[in-house]
Amino acid sequence: MKLLLDENLSPQLVESLADLYSDLKHVHGCNLGGADDNAVWEYAKAHGFAIVSKDSDFAERSVLDRNSPKVIWIRIGNCSTAEIETLLRSINETIRSFIEDDEETCLLLDHSRRHRSKPDDR
């Protein structure tokens, strides 16, 4: 699973989740620190990454763009890096299933449930 962490997530997650997500990168490690969303989007698309972000812009764009990279939208408000790590560990199989599904574009993670969307779910 190739996951690209957006700037709004800690780069420390790359190391702390390396045992579970072997191809996990942070935008800083890809020379995308401070880059606009479009640059991150295009990098993810070109290199086969799913974007993991707390930013709704990626989620919204994934529903509108039929040729989008997958997006995992973490929508749990202010939280610690440890809480993000725990979340990503606890739903590893859900993320794997989402990545393998050719139809789904966005996985929404919140406190109560996980939502998946396809381009036609507008």
PDB file of N, CA and C in Angstrom:
ATOM      1  N   MET A   1       0.843  -1.179   0.000  1.00  0.00           N
ATOM      2  CA  MET A   1       0.000   0.000   0.000  1.00  0.00           C
ATOM      3  C   MET A   1       0.883   1.234   0.000  1.00  0.00           C
ATOM      4  N   LYS A   2       0.696   2.056  -0.982  1.00  0.00           N
ATOM      5  CA  LYS A   2       1.458   3.293  -1.086  1.00  0.00           C
ATOM      6  C   LYS A   2       0.600   4.434  -0.551  1.00  0.00           C
ATOM      7  N   LEU A   3       0.986   4.956   0.606  1.00  0.00           N
ATOM      8  CA  LEU A   3       0.249   6.039   1.239  1.00  0.00           C
ATOM      9  C   LEU A   3       1.142   7.258   1.349  1.00  0.00           C
ATOM     10  N   LEU A   4       0.578   8.412   1.014  1.00  0.00           N
ATOM     11  CA  LEU A   4       1.285   9.686   1.090  1.00  0.00           C
ATOM     12  C   LEU A   4       0.604  10.557   2.132  1.00  0.00           C
ATOM     13  N   LEU A   5       1.320  10.857   3.210  1.00  0.00           N
ATOM     14  CA  LEU A   5       0.776  11.690   4.283  1.00  0.00           C
ATOM     15  C   LEU A   5       0.885  13.159   3.918  1.00  0.00           C
ATOM     16  N   ASP A   6      -0.216  13.861   4.056  1.00  0.00           N
ATOM     17  CA  ASP A   6      -0.269  15.291   3.778  1.00  0.00           C
ATOM     18  C   ASP A   6       0.469  16.052   4.879  1.00  0.00           C
ATOM     19  N   GLU A   7       0.722  17.302   4.589  1.00  0.00           N
ATOM     20  CA  GLU A   7       1.484  18.156   5.499  1.00  0.00           C
ATOM     21  C   GLU A   7       0.806  18.339   6.852  1.00  0.00           C
ATOM     22  N   ASN A   8      -0.525  18.177   6.899  1.00  0.00           N
ATOM     23  CA  ASN A   8      -1.231  18.378   8.160  1.00  0.00           C
ATOM     24  C   ASN A   8      -1.138  17.171   9.098  1.00  0.00           C
ATOM     25  N   LEU A   9      -0.380  16.161   8.696  1.00  0.00           N
ATOM     26  CA  LEU A   9      -0.106  15.007   9.545  1.00  0.00           C
ATOM     27  C   LEU A   9       1.389  14.968   9.863  1.00  0.00           C
ATOM     28  N   SER A  10       1.719  14.425  10.989  1.00  0.00           N
ATOM     29  CA  SER A  10       3.109  14.428  11.450  1.00  0.00           C
ATOM     30  C   SER A  10       3.995  13.501  10.617  1.00  0.00           C
ATOM     31  N   PRO A  11       5.186  13.986  10.243  1.00  0.00           N
ATOM     32  CA  PRO A  11       6.150  13.117   9.560  1.00  0.00           C
ATOM     33  C   PRO A  11       6.590  11.930  10.438  1.00  0.00           C
ATOM     34  N   GLN A  12       6.425  12.046  11.754  1.00  0.00           N
ATOM     35  CA  GLN A  12       6.787  10.962  12.667  1.00  0.00           C
ATOM     36  C   GLN A  12       5.997   9.689  12.391  1.00  0.00           C
ATOM     37  N   LEU A  13       4.836   9.825  11.772  1.00  0.00           N
ATOM     38  CA  LEU A  13       4.007   8.658  11.479  1.00  0.00           C
ATOM     39  C   LEU A  13       4.677   7.698  10.502  1.00  0.00           C
ATOM     40  N   VAL A  14       5.525   8.221   9.641  1.00  0.00           N
ATOM     41  CA  VAL A  14       6.223   7.356   8.681  1.00  0.00           C
ATOM     42  C   VAL A  14       7.031   6.305   9.431  1.00  0.00           C
ATOM     43  N   GLU A  15       7.772   6.740  10.426  1.00  0.00           N
ATOM     44  CA  GLU A  15       8.594   5.804  11.200  1.00  0.00           C
ATOM     45  C   GLU A  15       7.747   4.934  12.121  1.00  0.00           C
ATOM     46  N   SER A  16       6.780   5.534  12.796  1.00  0.00           N
ATOM     47  CA  SER A  16       6.003   4.768  13.779  1.00  0.00           C
ATOM     48  C   SER A  16       5.073   3.738  13.137  1.00  0.00           C
ATOM     49  N   LEU A  17       4.738   3.921  11.875  1.00  0.00           N
ATOM     50  CA  LEU A  17       3.850   2.967  11.187  1.00  0.00           C
ATOM     51  C   LEU A  17       4.573   2.108  10.150  1.00  0.00           C
ATOM     52  N   ALA A  18       5.893   2.185  10.111  1.00  0.00           N
ATOM     53  CA  ALA A  18       6.675   1.468   9.099  1.00  0.00           C
ATOM     54  C   ALA A  18       6.470  -0.041   9.153  1.00  0.00           C
ATOM     55  N   ASP A  19       6.197  -0.585  10.330  1.00  0.00           N
ATOM     56  CA  ASP A  19       5.978  -2.027  10.446  1.00  0.00           C
ATOM     57  C   ASP A  19       4.691  -2.478   9.767  1.00  0.00           C
ATOM     58  N   LEU A  20       3.743  -1.571   9.623  1.00  0.00           N
ATOM     59  CA  LEU A  20       2.435  -1.908   9.065  1.00  0.00           C
ATOM     60  C   LEU A  20       2.266  -1.410   7.637  1.00  0.00           C
ATOM     61  N   TYR A  21       2.778  -0.228   7.366  1.00  0.00           N
ATOM     62  CA  TYR A  21       2.672   0.390   6.045  1.00  0.00           C
ATOM     63  C   TYR A  21       4.085   0.610   5.515  1.00  0.00           C
ATOM     64  N   SER A  22       4.579  -0.337   4.772  1.00  0.00           N
ATOM     65  CA  SER A  22       5.981  -0.300   4.339  1.00  0.00           C
ATOM     66  C   SER A  22       6.261   0.772   3.292  1.00  0.00           C
ATOM     67  N   ASP A  23       5.260   1.190   2.556  1.00  0.00           N
ATOM     68  CA  ASP A  23       5.471   2.213   1.534  1.00  0.00           C
ATOM     69  C   ASP A  23       4.704   3.483   1.908  1.00  0.00           C
ATOM     70  N   LEU A  24       4.995   3.986   3.081  1.00  0.00           N
ATOM     71  CA  LEU A  24       4.374   5.186   3.621  1.00  0.00           C
ATOM     72  C   LEU A  24       5.374   6.327   3.520  1.00  0.00           C
ATOM     73  N   LYS A  25       4.945   7.426   2.928  1.00  0.00           N
ATOM     74  CA  LYS A  25       5.813   8.604   2.805  1.00  0.00           C
ATOM     75  C   LYS A  25       5.063   9.834   3.280  1.00  0.00           C
ATOM     76  N   HIS A  26       5.830  10.824   3.647  1.00  0.00           N
ATOM     77  CA  HIS A  26       5.272  12.127   4.020  1.00  0.00           C
ATOM     78  C   HIS A  26       5.646  13.103   2.925  1.00  0.00           C
ATOM     79  N   VAL A  27       4.815  14.110   2.696  1.00  0.00           N
ATOM     80  CA  VAL A  27       5.108  15.072   1.633  1.00  0.00           C
ATOM     81  C   VAL A  27       6.482  15.702   1.801  1.00  0.00           C
ATOM     82  N   HIS A  28       6.931  15.894   3.011  1.00  0.00           N
ATOM     83  CA  HIS A  28       8.261  16.481   3.223  1.00  0.00           C
ATOM     84  C   HIS A  28       9.353  15.590   2.655  1.00  0.00           C
ATOM     85  N   GLY A  29       9.171  14.278   2.752  1.00  0.00           N
ATOM     86  CA  GLY A  29      10.154  13.345   2.228  1.00  0.00           C
ATOM     87  C   GLY A  29      10.140  13.239   0.710  1.00  0.00           C
ATOM     88  N   CYS A  30       9.163  13.878   0.089  1.00  0.00           N
ATOM     89  CA  CYS A  30       9.030  13.870  -1.381  1.00  0.00           C
ATOM     90  C   CYS A  30       9.285  15.263  -1.956  1.00  0.00           C
ATOM     91  N   ASN A  31       9.910  16.113  -1.171  1.00  0.00           N
ATOM     92  CA  ASN A  31      10.174  17.502  -1.568  1.00  0.00           C
ATOM     93  C   ASN A  31       8.898  18.270  -1.904  1.00  0.00           C
ATOM     94  N   LEU A  32       7.826  17.967  -1.161  1.00  0.00           N
ATOM     95  CA  LEU A  32       6.546  18.648  -1.371  1.00  0.00           C
ATOM     96  C   LEU A  32       6.123  19.462  -0.149  1.00  0.00           C
ATOM     97  N   GLY A  33       7.034  19.666   0.788  1.00  0.00           N
ATOM     98  CA  GLY A  33       6.711  20.496   1.947  1.00  0.00           C
ATOM     99  C   GLY A  33       6.376  21.906   1.494  1.00  0.00           C
ATOM    100  N   GLY A  34       5.225  22.398   1.896  1.00  0.00           N
ATOM    101  CA  GLY A  34       4.785  23.737   1.504  1.00  0.00           C
ATOM    102  C   GLY A  34       4.167  23.800   0.116  1.00  0.00           C
ATOM    103  N   ALA A  35       4.111  22.673  -0.576  1.00  0.00           N
ATOM    104  CA  ALA A  35       3.533  22.657  -1.929  1.00  0.00           C
ATOM    105  C   ALA A  35       2.013  22.811  -1.848  1.00  0.00           C
ATOM    106  N   ASP A  36       1.427  23.321  -2.925  1.00  0.00           N
ATOM    107  CA  ASP A  36      -0.029  23.448  -2.941  1.00  0.00           C
ATOM    108  C   ASP A  36      -0.672  22.072  -3.161  1.00  0.00           C
ATOM    109  N   ASP A  37      -1.978  22.018  -2.927  1.00  0.00           N
ATOM    110  CA  ASP A  37      -2.705  20.756  -3.028  1.00  0.00           C
ATOM    111  C   ASP A  37      -2.573  20.121  -4.402  1.00  0.00           C
ATOM    112  N   ASN A  38      -2.555  20.939  -5.441  1.00  0.00           N
ATOM    113  CA  ASN A  38      -2.465  20.397  -6.793  1.00  0.00           C
ATOM    114  C   ASN A  38      -1.150  19.638  -7.000  1.00  0.00           C
ATOM    115  N   ALA A  39      -0.058  20.150  -6.477  1.00  0.00           N
ATOM    116  CA  ALA A  39       1.238  19.477  -6.611  1.00  0.00           C
ATOM    117  C   ALA A  39       1.225  18.139  -5.877  1.00  0.00           C
ATOM    118  N   VAL A  40       0.646  18.107  -4.694  1.00  0.00           N
ATOM    119  CA  VAL A  40       0.541  16.863  -3.927  1.00  0.00           C
ATOM    120  C   VAL A  40      -0.345  15.873  -4.685  1.00  0.00           C
ATOM    121  N   TRP A  41      -1.460  16.354  -5.197  1.00  0.00           N
ATOM    122  CA  TRP A  41      -2.407  15.539  -5.968  1.00  0.00           C
ATOM    123  C   TRP A  41      -1.719  14.896  -7.177  1.00  0.00           C
ATOM    124  N   GLU A  42      -1.024  15.708  -7.939  1.00  0.00           N
ATOM    125  CA  GLU A  42      -0.374  15.221  -9.154  1.00  0.00           C
ATOM    126  C   GLU A  42       0.758  14.241  -8.830  1.00  0.00           C
ATOM    127  N   TYR A  43       1.486  14.496  -7.751  1.00  0.00           N
ATOM    128  CA  TYR A  43       2.544  13.577  -7.338  1.00  0.00           C
ATOM    129  C   TYR A  43       1.938  12.220  -6.966  1.00  0.00           C
ATOM    130  N   ALA A  44       0.877  12.251  -6.168  1.00  0.00           N
ATOM    131  CA  ALA A  44       0.229  11.003  -5.756  1.00  0.00           C
ATOM    132  C   ALA A  44      -0.284  10.238  -6.972  1.00  0.00           C
ATOM    133  N   LYS A  45      -0.893  10.940  -7.882  1.00  0.00           N
ATOM    134  CA  LYS A  45      -1.421  10.315  -9.092  1.00  0.00           C
ATOM    135  C   LYS A  45      -0.305   9.696  -9.928  1.00  0.00           C
ATOM    136  N   ALA A  46       0.771  10.427 -10.127  1.00  0.00           N
ATOM    137  CA  ALA A  46       1.879   9.967 -10.969  1.00  0.00           C
ATOM    138  C   ALA A  46       2.641   8.790 -10.361  1.00  0.00           C
ATOM    139  N   HIS A  47       2.652   8.701  -9.030  1.00  0.00           N
ATOM    140  CA  HIS A  47       3.447   7.670  -8.360  1.00  0.00           C
ATOM    141  C   HIS A  47       2.603   6.578  -7.696  1.00  0.00           C
ATOM    142  N   GLY A  48       1.292   6.606  -7.900  1.00  0.00           N
ATOM    143  CA  GLY A  48       0.424   5.549  -7.384  1.00  0.00           C
ATOM    144  C   GLY A  48       0.178   5.568  -5.893  1.00  0.00           C
ATOM    145  N   PHE A  49       0.206   6.751  -5.284  1.00  0.00           N
ATOM    146  CA  PHE A  49      -0.050   6.873  -3.851  1.00  0.00           C
ATOM    147  C   PHE A  49      -1.507   7.219  -3.581  1.00  0.00           C
ATOM    148  N   ALA A  50      -2.007   6.759  -2.451  1.00  0.00           N
ATOM    149  CA  ALA A  50      -3.261   7.260  -1.893  1.00  0.00           C
ATOM    150  C   ALA A  50      -2.864   8.389  -0.947  1.00  0.00           C
ATOM    151  N   ILE A  51      -3.619   9.474  -0.967  1.00  0.00           N
ATOM    152  CA  ILE A  51      -3.339  10.618  -0.098  1.00  0.00           C
ATOM    153  C   ILE A  51      -4.073  10.439   1.222  1.00  0.00           C
ATOM    154  N   VAL A  52      -3.355  10.612   2.325  1.00  0.00           N
ATOM    155  CA  VAL A  52      -3.945  10.571   3.657  1.00  0.00           C
ATOM    156  C   VAL A  52      -3.879  11.994   4.192  1.00  0.00           C
ATOM    157  N   SER A  53      -5.049  12.554   4.526  1.00  0.00           N
ATOM    158  CA  SER A  53      -5.084  13.967   4.899  1.00  0.00           C
ATOM    159  C   SER A  53      -6.220  14.264   5.859  1.00  0.00           C
ATOM    160  N   LYS A  54      -6.071  15.379   6.565  1.00  0.00           N
ATOM    161  CA  LYS A  54      -7.165  15.919   7.362  1.00  0.00           C
ATOM    162  C   LYS A  54      -7.856  17.051   6.610  1.00  0.00           C
ATOM    163  N   ASP A  55      -7.455  17.272   5.379  1.00  0.00           N
ATOM    164  CA  ASP A  55      -7.948  18.362   4.539  1.00  0.00           C
ATOM    165  C   ASP A  55      -9.131  17.889   3.687  1.00  0.00           C
ATOM    166  N   SER A  56     -10.252  18.555   3.777  1.00  0.00           N
ATOM    167  CA  SER A  56     -11.441  18.163   3.009  1.00  0.00           C
ATOM    168  C   SER A  56     -11.279  18.397   1.509  1.00  0.00           C
ATOM    169  N   ASP A  57     -10.365  19.265   1.109  1.00  0.00           N
ATOM    170  CA  ASP A  57     -10.197  19.574  -0.315  1.00  0.00           C
ATOM    171  C   ASP A  57      -9.868  18.331  -1.141  1.00  0.00           C
ATOM    172  N   PHE A  58      -9.014  17.462  -0.630  1.00  0.00           N
ATOM    173  CA  PHE A  58      -8.662  16.253  -1.358  1.00  0.00           C
ATOM    174  C   PHE A  58      -9.869  15.325  -1.493  1.00  0.00           C
ATOM    175  N   ALA A  59     -10.641  15.202  -0.417  1.00  0.00           N
ATOM    176  CA  ALA A  59     -11.824  14.336  -0.439  1.00  0.00           C
ATOM    177  C   ALA A  59     -12.835  14.840  -1.466  1.00  0.00           C
ATOM    178  N   GLU A  60     -13.081  16.133  -1.462  1.00  0.00           N
ATOM    179  CA  GLU A  60     -14.036  16.705  -2.414  1.00  0.00           C
ATOM    180  C   GLU A  60     -13.558  16.512  -3.851  1.00  0.00           C
ATOM    181  N   ARG A  61     -12.300  16.725  -4.071  1.00  0.00           N
ATOM    182  CA  ARG A  61     -11.755  16.583  -5.421  1.00  0.00           C
ATOM    183  C   ARG A  61     -11.807  15.126  -5.895  1.00  0.00           C
ATOM    184  N   SER A  62     -11.628  14.185  -4.987  1.00  0.00           N
ATOM    185  CA  SER A  62     -11.625  12.771  -5.371  1.00  0.00           C
ATOM    186  C   SER A  62     -12.977  12.312  -5.902  1.00  0.00           C
ATOM    187  N   VAL A  63     -14.041  12.920  -5.421  1.00  0.00           N
ATOM    188  CA  VAL A  63     -15.377  12.544  -5.874  1.00  0.00           C
ATOM    189  C   VAL A  63     -15.653  13.124  -7.261  1.00  0.00           C
ATOM    190  N   LEU A  64     -15.061  14.261  -7.562  1.00  0.00           N
ATOM    191  CA  LEU A  64     -15.309  14.930  -8.839  1.00  0.00           C
ATOM    192  C   LEU A  64     -14.389  14.469  -9.966  1.00  0.00           C
ATOM    193  N   ASP A  65     -13.217  13.999  -9.623  1.00  0.00           N
ATOM    194  CA  ASP A  65     -12.210  13.630 -10.617  1.00  0.00           C
ATOM    195  C   ASP A  65     -12.185  12.113 -10.786  1.00  0.00           C
ATOM    196  N   ARG A  66     -12.643  11.637 -11.912  1.00  0.00           N
ATOM    197  CA  ARG A  66     -12.709  10.188 -12.149  1.00  0.00           C
ATOM    198  C   ARG A  66     -11.332   9.539 -12.234  1.00  0.00           C
ATOM    199  N   ASN A  67     -10.293  10.312 -12.461  1.00  0.00           N
ATOM    200  CA  ASN A  67      -8.938   9.785 -12.572  1.00  0.00           C
ATOM    201  C   ASN A  67      -8.100  10.220 -11.375  1.00  0.00           C
ATOM    202  N   SER A  68      -8.708  10.138 -10.212  1.00  0.00           N
ATOM    203  CA  SER A  68      -8.040  10.661  -9.026  1.00  0.00           C
ATOM    204  C   SER A  68      -7.248   9.586  -8.298  1.00  0.00           C
ATOM    205  N   PRO A  69      -6.260  10.039  -7.521  1.00  0.00           N
ATOM    206  CA  PRO A  69      -5.659   9.092  -6.583  1.00  0.00           C
ATOM    207  C   PRO A  69      -6.686   8.810  -5.483  1.00  0.00           C
ATOM    208  N   LYS A  70      -6.531   7.738  -4.799  1.00  0.00           N
ATOM    209  CA  LYS A  70      -7.404   7.439  -3.663  1.00  0.00           C
ATOM    210  C   LYS A  70      -7.108   8.459  -2.564  1.00  0.00           C
ATOM    211  N   VAL A  71      -8.133   8.752  -1.775  1.00  0.00           N
ATOM    212  CA  VAL A  71      -7.986   9.704  -0.677  1.00  0.00           C
ATOM    213  C   VAL A  71      -8.542   9.082   0.594  1.00  0.00           C
ATOM    214  N   ILE A  72      -7.760   9.165   1.648  1.00  0.00           N
ATOM    215  CA  ILE A  72      -8.200   8.760   2.976  1.00  0.00           C
ATOM    216  C   ILE A  72      -8.296  10.034   3.797  1.00  0.00           C
ATOM    217  N   TRP A  73      -9.529  10.419   4.098  1.00  0.00           N
ATOM    218  CA  TRP A  73      -9.787  11.678   4.788  1.00  0.00           C
ATOM    219  C   TRP A  73     -10.009  11.398   6.270  1.00  0.00           C
ATOM    220  N   ILE A  74      -9.095  11.862   7.086  1.00  0.00           N
ATOM    221  CA  ILE A  74      -9.191  11.716   8.536  1.00  0.00           C
ATOM    222  C   ILE A  74      -9.917  12.940   9.071  1.00  0.00           C
ATOM    223  N   ARG A  75     -11.119  12.708   9.518  1.00  0.00           N
ATOM    224  CA  ARG A  75     -11.980  13.811   9.948  1.00  0.00           C
ATOM    225  C   ARG A  75     -12.341  13.645  11.428  1.00  0.00           C
ATOM    226  N   ILE A  76     -11.324  13.805  12.259  1.00  0.00           N
ATOM    227  CA  ILE A  76     -11.572  13.635  13.689  1.00  0.00           C
ATOM    228  C   ILE A  76     -11.150  14.857  14.502  1.00  0.00           C
ATOM    229  N   GLY A  77     -10.978  15.979  13.846  1.00  0.00           N
ATOM    230  CA  GLY A  77     -10.658  17.208  14.561  1.00  0.00           C
ATOM    231  C   GLY A  77      -9.266  17.201  15.149  1.00  0.00           C
ATOM    232  N   ASN A  78      -9.076  18.047  16.138  1.00  0.00           N
ATOM    233  CA  ASN A  78      -7.769  18.127  16.788  1.00  0.00           C
ATOM    234  C   ASN A  78      -7.502  16.847  17.556  1.00  0.00           C
ATOM    235  N   CYS A  79      -6.363  16.276  17.294  1.00  0.00           N
ATOM    236  CA  CYS A  79      -5.986  15.051  17.989  1.00  0.00           C
ATOM    237  C   CYS A  79      -4.471  14.921  17.946  1.00  0.00           C
ATOM    238  N   SER A  80      -3.975  14.019  18.731  1.00  0.00           N
ATOM    239  CA  SER A  80      -2.529  13.829  18.801  1.00  0.00           C
ATOM    240  C   SER A  80      -2.055  12.908  17.684  1.00  0.00           C
ATOM    241  N   THR A  81      -0.757  12.931  17.455  1.00  0.00           N
ATOM    242  CA  THR A  81      -0.146  12.018  16.495  1.00  0.00           C
ATOM    243  C   THR A  81      -0.370  10.576  16.945  1.00  0.00           C
ATOM    244  N   ALA A  82      -0.324  10.336  18.233  1.00  0.00           N
ATOM    245  CA  ALA A  82      -0.566   8.986  18.761  1.00  0.00           C
ATOM    246  C   ALA A  82      -1.978   8.509  18.427  1.00  0.00           C
ATOM    247  N   GLU A  83      -2.948   9.411  18.483  1.00  0.00           N
ATOM    248  CA  GLU A  83      -4.324   9.035  18.147  1.00  0.00           C
ATOM    249  C   GLU A  83      -4.453   8.695  16.661  1.00  0.00           C
ATOM    250  N   ILE A  84      -3.764   9.451  15.815  1.00  0.00           N
ATOM    251  CA  ILE A  84      -3.764   9.155  14.375  1.00  0.00           C
ATOM    252  C   ILE A  84      -3.109   7.802  14.134  1.00  0.00           C
ATOM    253  N   GLU A  85      -1.997   7.552  14.799  1.00  0.00           N
ATOM    254  CA  GLU A  85      -1.313   6.265  14.655  1.00  0.00           C
ATOM    255  C   GLU A  85      -2.236   5.122  15.074  1.00  0.00           C
ATOM    256  N   THR A  86      -2.894   5.264  16.199  1.00  0.00           N
ATOM    257  CA  THR A  86      -3.811   4.226  16.681  1.00  0.00           C
ATOM    258  C   THR A  86      -4.931   3.988  15.672  1.00  0.00           C
ATOM    259  N   LEU A  87      -5.473   5.056  15.133  1.00  0.00           N
ATOM    260  CA  LEU A  87      -6.539   4.926  14.141  1.00  0.00           C
ATOM    261  C   LEU A  87      -6.049   4.167  12.907  1.00  0.00           C
ATOM    262  N   LEU A  88      -4.921   4.582  12.357  1.00  0.00           N
ATOM    263  CA  LEU A  88      -4.410   3.943  11.144  1.00  0.00           C
ATOM    264  C   LEU A  88      -4.006   2.489  11.388  1.00  0.00           C
ATOM    265  N   ARG A  89      -3.588   2.171  12.580  1.00  0.00           N
ATOM    266  CA  ARG A  89      -3.286   0.772  12.923  1.00  0.00           C
ATOM    267  C   ARG A  89      -4.577  -0.045  13.014  1.00  0.00           C
ATOM    268  N   SER A  90      -5.588   0.525  13.638  1.00  0.00           N
ATOM    269  CA  SER A  90      -6.812  -0.229  13.901  1.00  0.00           C
ATOM    270  C   SER A  90      -7.623  -0.512  12.637  1.00  0.00           C
ATOM    271  N   ILE A  91      -7.415   0.262  11.597  1.00  0.00           N
ATOM    272  CA  ILE A  91      -8.208   0.059  10.379  1.00  0.00           C
ATOM    273  C   ILE A  91      -7.351  -0.371   9.187  1.00  0.00           C
ATOM    274  N   ASN A  92      -6.240  -0.988   9.463  1.00  0.00           N
ATOM    275  CA  ASN A  92      -5.345  -1.443   8.407  1.00  0.00           C
ATOM    276  C   ASN A  92      -6.083  -2.261   7.346  1.00  0.00           C
ATOM    277  N   GLU A  93      -6.900  -3.206   7.756  1.00  0.00           N
ATOM    278  CA  GLU A  93      -7.614  -4.061   6.793  1.00  0.00           C
ATOM    279  C   GLU A  93      -8.646  -3.260   6.003  1.00  0.00           C
ATOM    280  N   THR A  94      -9.279  -2.297   6.626  1.00  0.00           N
ATOM    281  CA  THR A  94     -10.231  -1.439   5.924  1.00  0.00           C
ATOM    282  C   THR A  94      -9.512  -0.625   4.861  1.00  0.00           C
ATOM    283  N   ILE A  95      -8.356  -0.101   5.197  1.00  0.00           N
ATOM    284  CA  ILE A  95      -7.569   0.669   4.235  1.00  0.00           C
ATOM    285  C   ILE A  95      -7.119  -0.229   3.087  1.00  0.00           C
ATOM    286  N   ARG A  96      -6.670  -1.414   3.400  1.00  0.00           N
ATOM    287  CA  ARG A  96      -6.220  -2.352   2.365  1.00  0.00           C
ATOM    288  C   ARG A  96      -7.373  -2.671   1.401  1.00  0.00           C
ATOM    289  N   SER A  97      -8.526  -2.950   1.945  1.00  0.00           N
ATOM    290  CA  SER A  97      -9.705  -3.245   1.124  1.00  0.00           C
ATOM    291  C   SER A  97     -10.084  -2.049   0.253  1.00  0.00           C
ATOM    292  N   PHE A  98     -10.040  -0.876   0.829  1.00  0.00           N
ATOM    293  CA  PHE A  98     -10.344   0.361   0.093  1.00  0.00           C
ATOM    294  C   PHE A  98      -9.370   0.562  -1.065  1.00  0.00           C
ATOM    295  N   ILE A  99      -8.095   0.386  -0.815  1.00  0.00           N
ATOM    296  CA  ILE A  99      -7.065   0.572  -1.848  1.00  0.00           C
ATOM    297  C   ILE A  99      -7.272  -0.421  -2.989  1.00  0.00           C
ATOM    298  N   GLU A 100      -7.662  -1.635  -2.663  1.00  0.00           N
ATOM    299  CA  GLU A 100      -7.834  -2.679  -3.685  1.00  0.00           C
ATOM    300  C   GLU A 100      -9.107  -2.530  -4.499  1.00  0.00           C
ATOM    301  N   ASP A 101     -10.068  -1.749  -4.033  1.00  0.00           N
ATOM    302  CA  ASP A 101     -11.338  -1.570  -4.750  1.00  0.00           C
ATOM    303  C   ASP A 101     -11.168  -0.530  -5.855  1.00  0.00           C
ATOM    304  N   ASP A 102     -11.368  -0.936  -7.082  1.00  0.00           N
ATOM    305  CA  ASP A 102     -11.170  -0.042  -8.226  1.00  0.00           C
ATOM    306  C   ASP A 102     -12.216   1.059  -8.333  1.00  0.00           C
ATOM    307  N   GLU A 103     -13.352   0.888  -7.703  1.00  0.00           N
ATOM    308  CA  GLU A 103     -14.440   1.851  -7.830  1.00  0.00           C
ATOM    309  C   GLU A 103     -14.390   2.974  -6.790  1.00  0.00           C
ATOM    310  N   GLU A 104     -13.910   2.678  -5.619  1.00  0.00           N
ATOM    311  CA  GLU A 104     -13.960   3.647  -4.532  1.00  0.00           C
ATOM    312  C   GLU A 104     -12.851   4.677  -4.642  1.00  0.00           C
ATOM    313  N   THR A 105     -13.183   5.917  -4.316  1.00  0.00           N
ATOM    314  CA  THR A 105     -12.224   7.007  -4.444  1.00  0.00           C
ATOM    315  C   THR A 105     -11.838   7.638  -3.106  1.00  0.00           C
ATOM    316  N   CYS A 106     -12.749   7.590  -2.141  1.00  0.00           N
ATOM    317  CA  CYS A 106     -12.487   8.286  -0.883  1.00  0.00           C
ATOM    318  C   CYS A 106     -12.955   7.449   0.300  1.00  0.00           C
ATOM    319  N   LEU A 107     -12.101   7.367   1.291  1.00  0.00           N
ATOM    320  CA  LEU A 107     -12.428   6.701   2.544  1.00  0.00           C
ATOM    321  C   LEU A 107     -12.440   7.770   3.627  1.00  0.00           C
ATOM    322  N   LEU A 108     -13.594   7.976   4.221  1.00  0.00           N
ATOM    323  CA  LEU A 108     -13.761   8.980   5.268  1.00  0.00           C
ATOM    324  C   LEU A 108     -13.697   8.298   6.624  1.00  0.00           C
ATOM    325  N   LEU A 109     -12.800   8.770   7.450  1.00  0.00           N
ATOM    326  CA  LEU A 109     -12.654   8.223   8.796  1.00  0.00           C
ATOM    327  C   LEU A 109     -13.075   9.275   9.803  1.00  0.00           C
ATOM    328  N   ASP A 110     -14.058   8.920  10.620  1.00  0.00           N
ATOM    329  CA  ASP A 110     -14.455   9.810  11.699  1.00  0.00           C
ATOM    330  C   ASP A 110     -14.619   8.968  12.962  1.00  0.00           C
ATOM    331  N   HIS A 111     -15.097   9.567  14.009  1.00  0.00           N
ATOM    332  CA  HIS A 111     -15.188   8.857  15.280  1.00  0.00           C
ATOM    333  C   HIS A 111     -16.203   7.721  15.259  1.00  0.00           C
ATOM    334  N   SER A 112     -17.255   7.893  14.510  1.00  0.00           N
ATOM    335  CA  SER A 112     -18.336   6.923  14.611  1.00  0.00           C
ATOM    336  C   SER A 112     -18.355   5.866  13.521  1.00  0.00           C
ATOM    337  N   ARG A 113     -17.846   6.188  12.330  1.00  0.00           N
ATOM    338  CA  ARG A 113     -17.953   5.222  11.235  1.00  0.00           C
ATOM    339  C   ARG A 113     -16.955   5.524  10.137  1.00  0.00           C
ATOM    340  N   ARG A 114     -16.885   4.608   9.196  1.00  0.00           N
ATOM    341  CA  ARG A 114     -16.023   4.758   8.031  1.00  0.00           C
ATOM    342  C   ARG A 114     -16.925   4.796   6.806  1.00  0.00           C
ATOM    343  N   HIS A 115     -16.732   5.771   5.959  1.00  0.00           N
ATOM    344  CA  HIS A 115     -17.547   5.920   4.755  1.00  0.00           C
ATOM    345  C   HIS A 115     -16.663   5.773   3.531  1.00  0.00           C
ATOM    346  N   ARG A 116     -17.204   5.148   2.523  1.00  0.00           N
ATOM    347  CA  ARG A 116     -16.497   5.033   1.261  1.00  0.00           C
ATOM    348  C   ARG A 116     -17.347   5.695   0.198  1.00  0.00           C
ATOM    349  N   SER A 117     -16.689   6.318  -0.746  1.00  0.00           N
ATOM    350  CA  SER A 117     -17.448   6.932  -1.836  1.00  0.00           C
ATOM    351  C   SER A 117     -16.853   6.582  -3.178  1.00  0.00           C
ATOM    352  N   LYS A 118     -17.733   6.561  -4.155  1.00  0.00           N
ATOM    353  CA  LYS A 118     -17.371   6.327  -5.550  1.00  0.00           C
ATOM    354  C   LYS A 118     -17.689   7.592  -6.311  1.00  0.00           C
ATOM    355  N   PRO A 119     -17.140   7.767  -7.498  1.00  0.00           N
ATOM    356  CA  PRO A 119     -17.410   8.990  -8.259  1.00  0.00           C
ATOM    357  C   PRO A 119     -18.900   9.255  -8.478  1.00  0.00           C
ATOM    358  N   ASP A 120     -19.714   8.245  -8.569  1.00  0.00           N
ATOM    359  CA  ASP A 120     -21.142   8.433  -8.802  1.00  0.00           C
ATOM    360  C   ASP A 120     -21.932   8.733  -7.536  1.00  0.00           C
ATOM    361  N   ASP A 121     -21.272   8.780  -6.392  1.00  0.00           N
ATOM    362  CA  ASP A 121     -21.943   9.029  -5.120  1.00  0.00           C
ATOM    363  C   ASP A 121     -22.184  10.521  -4.839  1.00  0.00           C
ATOM    364  N   ARG A 122     -22.051  11.357  -5.817  1.00  0.00           N
ATOM    365  CA  ARG A 122     -22.158  12.802  -5.617  1.00  0.00           C
ATOM    366  C   ARG A 122     -23.466  13.226  -5.092  1.00  0.00           C
TER     367      ARG A 122
END
